Amino acid sequence: CATTYTYYSDAYYLEAVHYDYWGQGTQ
């Protein structure tokens, strides 16, 4: 999972480059 701060309540992002923080992953 990944997350990014945004001013836009209705926007979502398809590309990894937009995300600032990432989890460690689950198999």
PDB file of all heavy atoms in Angstrom:
ATOM      1  N   CYS A   1       0.848  -1.182   0.000  1.00  0.00           N
ATOM      2  CA  CYS A   1       0.000   0.000   0.000  1.00  0.00           C
ATOM      3  C   CYS A   1       0.892   1.242   0.000  1.00  0.00           C
ATOM      4  O   CYS A   1       2.049   1.190   0.431  1.00  0.00           O
ATOM      5  CB  CYS A   1      -0.985   0.021   1.155  1.00  0.00           C
ATOM      6  SG  CYS A   1      -0.295   0.319   2.777  1.00  0.00           S
ATOM      7  N   ALA A   2       0.331   2.314  -0.492  1.00  0.00           N
ATOM      8  CA  ALA A   2       1.074   3.558  -0.616  1.00  0.00           C
ATOM      9  C   ALA A   2       0.122   4.718  -0.399  1.00  0.00           C
ATOM     10  O   ALA A   2      -1.093   4.589  -0.570  1.00  0.00           O
ATOM     11  CB  ALA A   2       1.722   3.655  -1.996  1.00  0.00           C
ATOM     12  N   THR A   3       0.703   5.863  -0.047  1.00  0.00           N
ATOM     13  CA  THR A   3      -0.144   7.014   0.225  1.00  0.00           C
ATOM     14  C   THR A   3       0.549   8.300  -0.187  1.00  0.00           C
ATOM     15  O   THR A   3       1.784   8.386  -0.260  1.00  0.00           O
ATOM     16  CB  THR A   3      -0.512   7.073   1.718  1.00  0.00           C
ATOM     17  OG1 THR A   3      -1.461   8.120   1.932  1.00  0.00           O
ATOM     18  CG2 THR A   3       0.709   7.350   2.592  1.00  0.00           C
ATOM     19  N   THR A   4      -0.267   9.303  -0.472  1.00  0.00           N
ATOM     20  CA  THR A   4       0.246  10.608  -0.797  1.00  0.00           C
ATOM     21  C   THR A   4      -0.723  11.672  -0.298  1.00  0.00           C
ATOM     22  O   THR A   4      -1.941  11.500  -0.383  1.00  0.00           O
ATOM     23  CB  THR A   4       0.450  10.772  -2.312  1.00  0.00           C
ATOM     24  OG1 THR A   4       1.018  12.063  -2.582  1.00  0.00           O
ATOM     25  CG2 THR A   4      -0.848  10.645  -3.076  1.00  0.00           C
ATOM     26  N   TYR A   5      -0.164  12.749   0.194  1.00  0.00           N
ATOM     27  CA  TYR A   5      -0.987  13.878   0.641  1.00  0.00           C
ATOM     28  C   TYR A   5      -1.577  14.557  -0.588  1.00  0.00           C
ATOM     29  O   TYR A   5      -0.890  14.738  -1.604  1.00  0.00           O
ATOM     30  CB  TYR A   5      -0.141  14.871   1.431  1.00  0.00           C
ATOM     31  CG  TYR A   5      -0.945  16.020   1.994  1.00  0.00           C
ATOM     32  CD1 TYR A   5      -1.534  15.924   3.247  1.00  0.00           C
ATOM     33  CD2 TYR A   5      -1.126  17.198   1.263  1.00  0.00           C
ATOM     34  CE1 TYR A   5      -2.273  16.964   3.776  1.00  0.00           C
ATOM     35  CE2 TYR A   5      -1.867  18.241   1.783  1.00  0.00           C
ATOM     36  CZ  TYR A   5      -2.436  18.122   3.041  1.00  0.00           C
ATOM     37  OH  TYR A   5      -3.168  19.147   3.553  1.00  0.00           O
ATOM     38  N   THR A   6      -2.825  14.958  -0.490  1.00  0.00           N
ATOM     39  CA  THR A   6      -3.454  15.658  -1.604  1.00  0.00           C
ATOM     40  C   THR A   6      -4.454  16.669  -1.102  1.00  0.00           C
ATOM     41  O   THR A   6      -5.119  16.465  -0.093  1.00  0.00           O
ATOM     42  CB  THR A   6      -4.142  14.676  -2.562  1.00  0.00           C
ATOM     43  OG1 THR A   6      -4.776  15.412  -3.615  1.00  0.00           O
ATOM     44  CG2 THR A   6      -5.197  13.857  -1.838  1.00  0.00           C
ATOM     45  N   TYR A   7      -4.558  17.779  -1.839  1.00  0.00           N
ATOM     46  CA  TYR A   7      -5.552  18.805  -1.525  1.00  0.00           C
ATOM     47  C   TYR A   7      -6.921  18.451  -2.109  1.00  0.00           C
ATOM     48  O   TYR A   7      -7.923  19.068  -1.757  1.00  0.00           O
ATOM     49  CB  TYR A   7      -5.116  20.147  -2.098  1.00  0.00           C
ATOM     50  CG  TYR A   7      -3.902  20.730  -1.412  1.00  0.00           C
ATOM     51  CD1 TYR A   7      -2.646  20.641  -1.990  1.00  0.00           C
ATOM     52  CD2 TYR A   7      -4.014  21.368  -0.178  1.00  0.00           C
ATOM     53  CE1 TYR A   7      -1.538  21.168  -1.370  1.00  0.00           C
ATOM     54  CE2 TYR A   7      -2.906  21.898   0.451  1.00  0.00           C
ATOM     55  CZ  TYR A   7      -1.674  21.796  -0.153  1.00  0.00           C
ATOM     56  OH  TYR A   7      -0.566  22.325   0.465  1.00  0.00           O
ATOM     57  N   TYR A   8      -6.934  17.452  -3.004  1.00  0.00           N
ATOM     58  CA  TYR A   8      -8.138  17.151  -3.765  1.00  0.00           C
ATOM     59  C   TYR A   8      -8.848  15.938  -3.195  1.00  0.00           C
ATOM     60  O   TYR A   8      -8.366  14.819  -3.315  1.00  0.00           O
ATOM     61  CB  TYR A   8      -7.789  16.940  -5.232  1.00  0.00           C
ATOM     62  CG  TYR A   8      -7.012  18.095  -5.806  1.00  0.00           C
ATOM     63  CD1 TYR A   8      -5.641  17.996  -6.039  1.00  0.00           C
ATOM     64  CD2 TYR A   8      -7.631  19.299  -6.083  1.00  0.00           C
ATOM     65  CE1 TYR A   8      -4.927  19.060  -6.541  1.00  0.00           C
ATOM     66  CE2 TYR A   8      -6.923  20.378  -6.582  1.00  0.00           C
ATOM     67  CZ  TYR A   8      -5.570  20.249  -6.808  1.00  0.00           C
ATOM     68  OH  TYR A   8      -4.871  21.310  -7.298  1.00  0.00           O
ATOM     69  N   SER A   9      -9.996  16.141  -2.627  1.00  0.00           N
ATOM     70  CA  SER A   9     -10.703  15.070  -1.931  1.00  0.00           C
ATOM     71  C   SER A   9     -11.157  13.953  -2.852  1.00  0.00           C
ATOM     72  O   SER A   9     -11.327  12.823  -2.400  1.00  0.00           O
ATOM     73  CB  SER A   9     -11.916  15.646  -1.205  1.00  0.00           C
ATOM     74  OG  SER A   9     -11.524  16.550  -0.207  1.00  0.00           O
ATOM     75  N   ASP A  10     -11.359  14.258  -4.130  1.00  0.00           N
ATOM     76  CA  ASP A  10     -11.927  13.263  -5.040  1.00  0.00           C
ATOM     77  C   ASP A  10     -10.910  12.696  -6.033  1.00  0.00           C
ATOM     78  O   ASP A  10     -11.293  11.956  -6.938  1.00  0.00           O
ATOM     79  CB  ASP A  10     -13.085  13.883  -5.816  1.00  0.00           C
ATOM     80  CG  ASP A  10     -14.243  14.226  -4.898  1.00  0.00           C
ATOM     81  OD1 ASP A  10     -14.431  13.522  -3.890  1.00  0.00           O
ATOM     82  OD2 ASP A  10     -14.948  15.211  -5.182  1.00  0.00           O
ATOM     83  N   ALA A  11      -9.639  13.022  -5.842  1.00  0.00           N
ATOM     84  CA  ALA A  11      -8.614  12.539  -6.766  1.00  0.00           C
ATOM     85  C   ALA A  11      -7.997  11.230  -6.284  1.00  0.00           C
ATOM     86  O   ALA A  11      -7.827  11.018  -5.078  1.00  0.00           O
ATOM     87  CB  ALA A  11      -7.519  13.584  -6.927  1.00  0.00           C
ATOM     88  N   TYR A  12      -7.675  10.373  -7.239  1.00  0.00           N
ATOM     89  CA  TYR A  12      -6.886   9.178  -6.927  1.00  0.00           C
ATOM     90  C   TYR A  12      -5.798   9.066  -7.980  1.00  0.00           C
ATOM     91  O   TYR A  12      -5.893   9.660  -9.052  1.00  0.00           O
ATOM     92  CB  TYR A  12      -7.740   7.910  -6.867  1.00  0.00           C
ATOM     93  CG  TYR A  12      -8.486   7.585  -8.131  1.00  0.00           C
ATOM     94  CD1 TYR A  12      -7.910   6.805  -9.131  1.00  0.00           C
ATOM     95  CD2 TYR A  12      -9.782   8.043  -8.327  1.00  0.00           C
ATOM     96  CE1 TYR A  12      -8.594   6.506 -10.285  1.00  0.00           C
ATOM     97  CE2 TYR A  12     -10.479   7.748  -9.478  1.00  0.00           C
ATOM     98  CZ  TYR A  12      -9.885   6.980 -10.461  1.00  0.00           C
ATOM     99  OH  TYR A  12     -10.569   6.686 -11.610  1.00  0.00           O
ATOM    100  N   TYR A  13      -4.768   8.304  -7.675  1.00  0.00           N
ATOM    101  CA  TYR A  13      -3.553   8.323  -8.483  1.00  0.00           C
ATOM    102  C   TYR A  13      -3.160   6.906  -8.881  1.00  0.00           C
ATOM    103  O   TYR A  13      -3.078   6.013  -8.046  1.00  0.00           O
ATOM    104  CB  TYR A  13      -2.430   9.002  -7.699  1.00  0.00           C
ATOM    105  CG  TYR A  13      -2.824  10.388  -7.250  1.00  0.00           C
ATOM    106  CD1 TYR A  13      -3.365  10.607  -5.988  1.00  0.00           C
ATOM    107  CD2 TYR A  13      -2.691  11.476  -8.117  1.00  0.00           C
ATOM    108  CE1 TYR A  13      -3.756  11.876  -5.593  1.00  0.00           C
ATOM    109  CE2 TYR A  13      -3.078  12.737  -7.722  1.00  0.00           C
ATOM    110  CZ  TYR A  13      -3.618  12.934  -6.466  1.00  0.00           C
ATOM    111  OH  TYR A  13      -4.006  14.195  -6.084  1.00  0.00           O
ATOM    112  N   LEU A  14      -2.887   6.746 -10.174  1.00  0.00           N
ATOM    113  CA  LEU A  14      -2.616   5.425 -10.721  1.00  0.00           C
ATOM    114  C   LEU A  14      -1.134   5.092 -10.780  1.00  0.00           C
ATOM    115  O   LEU A  14      -0.771   3.927 -10.866  1.00  0.00           O
ATOM    116  CB  LEU A  14      -3.194   5.318 -12.133  1.00  0.00           C
ATOM    117  CG  LEU A  14      -4.667   5.689 -12.304  1.00  0.00           C
ATOM    118  CD1 LEU A  14      -5.105   5.453 -13.747  1.00  0.00           C
ATOM    119  CD2 LEU A  14      -5.543   4.914 -11.351  1.00  0.00           C
ATOM    120  N   GLU A  15      -0.295   6.096 -10.711  1.00  0.00           N
ATOM    121  CA  GLU A  15       1.127   5.869 -10.937  1.00  0.00           C
ATOM    122  C   GLU A  15       1.915   5.971  -9.636  1.00  0.00           C
ATOM    123  O   GLU A  15       1.683   6.850  -8.823  1.00  0.00           O
ATOM    124  CB  GLU A  15       1.657   6.872 -11.965  1.00  0.00           C
ATOM    125  CG  GLU A  15       1.003   6.701 -13.325  1.00  0.00           C
ATOM    126  CD  GLU A  15       1.563   7.676 -14.355  1.00  0.00           C
ATOM    127  OE1 GLU A  15       2.378   8.521 -13.983  1.00  0.00           O
ATOM    128  OE2 GLU A  15       1.190   7.552 -15.526  1.00  0.00           O
ATOM    129  N   ALA A  16       2.890   5.071  -9.502  1.00  0.00           N
ATOM    130  CA  ALA A  16       3.690   5.006  -8.285  1.00  0.00           C
ATOM    131  C   ALA A  16       4.428   6.298  -7.991  1.00  0.00           C
ATOM    132  O   ALA A  16       4.672   6.622  -6.828  1.00  0.00           O
ATOM    133  CB  ALA A  16       4.682   3.846  -8.392  1.00  0.00           C
ATOM    134  N   VAL A  17       4.765   7.043  -9.022  1.00  0.00           N
ATOM    135  CA  VAL A  17       5.542   8.265  -8.842  1.00  0.00           C
ATOM    136  C   VAL A  17       4.799   9.288  -7.988  1.00  0.00           C
ATOM    137  O   VAL A  17       5.413  10.171  -7.388  1.00  0.00           O
ATOM    138  CB  VAL A  17       5.925   8.856 -10.210  1.00  0.00           C
ATOM    139  CG1 VAL A  17       4.687   9.372 -10.935  1.00  0.00           C
ATOM    140  CG2 VAL A  17       6.954   9.937 -10.080  1.00  0.00           C
ATOM    141  N   HIS A  18       3.488   9.175  -7.917  1.00  0.00           N
ATOM    142  CA  HIS A  18       2.697  10.142  -7.140  1.00  0.00           C
ATOM    143  C   HIS A  18       2.749   9.875  -5.645  1.00  0.00           C
ATOM    144  O   HIS A  18       2.362  10.728  -4.854  1.00  0.00           O
ATOM    145  CB  HIS A  18       1.250  10.108  -7.596  1.00  0.00           C
ATOM    146  CG  HIS A  18       1.032  10.654  -8.973  1.00  0.00           C
ATOM    147  ND1 HIS A  18       1.199  11.989  -9.274  1.00  0.00           N
ATOM    148  CD2 HIS A  18       0.674  10.049 -10.122  1.00  0.00           C
ATOM    149  CE1 HIS A  18       0.947  12.184 -10.550  1.00  0.00           C
ATOM    150  NE2 HIS A  18       0.628  11.026 -11.095  1.00  0.00           N
ATOM    151  N   TYR A  19       3.190   8.692  -5.239  1.00  0.00           N
ATOM    152  CA  TYR A  19       3.099   8.282  -3.846  1.00  0.00           C
ATOM    153  C   TYR A  19       4.391   8.546  -3.092  1.00  0.00           C
ATOM    154  O   TYR A  19       5.482   8.269  -3.582  1.00  0.00           O
ATOM    155  CB  TYR A  19       2.704   6.809  -3.766  1.00  0.00           C
ATOM    156  CG  TYR A  19       1.296   6.577  -4.227  1.00  0.00           C
ATOM    157  CD1 TYR A  19       1.019   6.323  -5.570  1.00  0.00           C
ATOM    158  CD2 TYR A  19       0.229   6.661  -3.347  1.00  0.00           C
ATOM    159  CE1 TYR A  19      -0.278   6.138  -6.013  1.00  0.00           C
ATOM    160  CE2 TYR A  19      -1.066   6.465  -3.773  1.00  0.00           C
ATOM    161  CZ  TYR A  19      -1.316   6.207  -5.111  1.00  0.00           C
ATOM    162  OH  TYR A  19      -2.601   6.028  -5.533  1.00  0.00           O
ATOM    163  N   ASP A  20       4.239   9.049  -1.874  1.00  0.00           N
ATOM    164  CA  ASP A  20       5.384   9.440  -1.064  1.00  0.00           C
ATOM    165  C   ASP A  20       5.771   8.406  -0.019  1.00  0.00           C
ATOM    166  O   ASP A  20       6.936   8.352   0.392  1.00  0.00           O
ATOM    167  CB  ASP A  20       5.069  10.756  -0.335  1.00  0.00           C
ATOM    168  CG  ASP A  20       4.749  11.887  -1.301  1.00  0.00           C
ATOM    169  OD1 ASP A  20       5.499  12.043  -2.285  1.00  0.00           O
ATOM    170  OD2 ASP A  20       3.747  12.582  -1.085  1.00  0.00           O
ATOM    171  N   TYR A  21       4.823   7.629   0.440  1.00  0.00           N
ATOM    172  CA  TYR A  21       5.082   6.676   1.518  1.00  0.00           C
ATOM    173  C   TYR A  21       4.581   5.289   1.115  1.00  0.00           C
ATOM    174  O   TYR A  21       3.511   5.164   0.495  1.00  0.00           O
ATOM    175  CB  TYR A  21       4.387   7.114   2.814  1.00  0.00           C
ATOM    176  CG  TYR A  21       4.788   8.485   3.278  1.00  0.00           C
ATOM    177  CD1 TYR A  21       3.989   9.590   3.020  1.00  0.00           C
ATOM    178  CD2 TYR A  21       5.990   8.683   3.952  1.00  0.00           C
ATOM    179  CE1 TYR A  21       4.354  10.857   3.441  1.00  0.00           C
ATOM    180  CE2 TYR A  21       6.366   9.952   4.378  1.00  0.00           C
ATOM    181  CZ  TYR A  21       5.543  11.030   4.115  1.00  0.00           C
ATOM    182  OH  TYR A  21       5.926  12.276   4.524  1.00  0.00           O
ATOM    183  N   TRP A  22       5.351   4.286   1.526  1.00  0.00           N
ATOM    184  CA  TRP A  22       5.053   2.904   1.159  1.00  0.00           C
ATOM    185  C   TRP A  22       5.149   1.996   2.373  1.00  0.00           C
ATOM    186  O   TRP A  22       5.972   2.225   3.271  1.00  0.00           O
ATOM    187  CB  TRP A  22       6.046   2.414   0.096  1.00  0.00           C
ATOM    188  CG  TRP A  22       5.920   3.133  -1.197  1.00  0.00           C
ATOM    189  CD1 TRP A  22       6.402   4.377  -1.508  1.00  0.00           C
ATOM    190  CD2 TRP A  22       5.239   2.679  -2.361  1.00  0.00           C
ATOM    191  NE1 TRP A  22       6.067   4.706  -2.805  1.00  0.00           N
ATOM    192  CE2 TRP A  22       5.350   3.677  -3.347  1.00  0.00           C
ATOM    193  CE3 TRP A  22       4.543   1.507  -2.681  1.00  0.00           C
ATOM    194  CZ2 TRP A  22       4.799   3.552  -4.631  1.00  0.00           C
ATOM    195  CZ3 TRP A  22       3.993   1.376  -3.945  1.00  0.00           C
ATOM    196  CH2 TRP A  22       4.129   2.389  -4.903  1.00  0.00           C
ATOM    197  N   GLY A  23       4.325   0.961   2.366  1.00  0.00           N
ATOM    198  CA  GLY A  23       4.440  -0.055   3.393  1.00  0.00           C
ATOM    199  C   GLY A  23       5.501  -1.078   3.032  1.00  0.00           C
ATOM    200  O   GLY A  23       6.128  -0.999   1.973  1.00  0.00           O
ATOM    201  N   GLN A  24       5.658  -2.056   3.900  1.00  0.00           N
ATOM    202  CA  GLN A  24       6.708  -3.064   3.709  1.00  0.00           C
ATOM    203  C   GLN A  24       6.236  -4.217   2.832  1.00  0.00           C
ATOM    204  O   GLN A  24       7.048  -5.027   2.385  1.00  0.00           O
ATOM    205  CB  GLN A  24       7.193  -3.594   5.060  1.00  0.00           C
ATOM    206  CG  GLN A  24       6.335  -4.691   5.669  1.00  0.00           C
ATOM    207  CD  GLN A  24       4.985  -4.214   6.158  1.00  0.00           C
ATOM    208  OE1 GLN A  24       4.737  -3.010   6.272  1.00  0.00           O
ATOM    209  NE2 GLN A  24       4.100  -5.154   6.480  1.00  0.00           N
ATOM    210  N   GLY A  25       4.945  -4.307   2.612  1.00  0.00           N
ATOM    211  CA  GLY A  25       4.397  -5.339   1.734  1.00  0.00           C
ATOM    212  C   GLY A  25       3.891  -6.553   2.476  1.00  0.00           C
ATOM    213  O   GLY A  25       4.334  -6.862   3.582  1.00  0.00           O
ATOM    214  N   THR A  26       2.951  -7.243   1.839  1.00  0.00           N
ATOM    215  CA  THR A  26       2.431  -8.494   2.375  1.00  0.00           C
ATOM    216  C   THR A  26       2.309  -9.492   1.221  1.00  0.00           C
ATOM    217  O   THR A  26       1.858  -9.130   0.129  1.00  0.00           O
ATOM    218  CB  THR A  26       1.080  -8.286   3.086  1.00  0.00           C
ATOM    219  OG1 THR A  26       0.662  -9.513   3.701  1.00  0.00           O
ATOM    220  CG2 THR A  26      -0.008  -7.810   2.138  1.00  0.00           C
ATOM    221  N   GLN A  27       2.731 -10.717   1.461  1.00  0.00           N
ATOM    222  CA  GLN A  27       2.769 -11.718   0.402  1.00  0.00           C
ATOM    223  C   GLN A  27       1.393 -12.338   0.186  1.00  0.00           C
ATOM    224  O   GLN A  27       0.736 -12.765   1.153  1.00  0.00           O
ATOM    225  CB  GLN A  27       3.773 -12.822   0.760  1.00  0.00           C
ATOM    226  CG  GLN A  27       3.840 -13.966  -0.234  1.00  0.00           C
ATOM    227  CD  GLN A  27       4.486 -13.571  -1.547  1.00  0.00           C
ATOM    228  OE1 GLN A  27       5.551 -12.953  -1.570  1.00  0.00           O
ATOM    229  NE2 GLN A  27       3.853 -13.937  -2.656  1.00  0.00           N
TER     230      GLN A  27
END
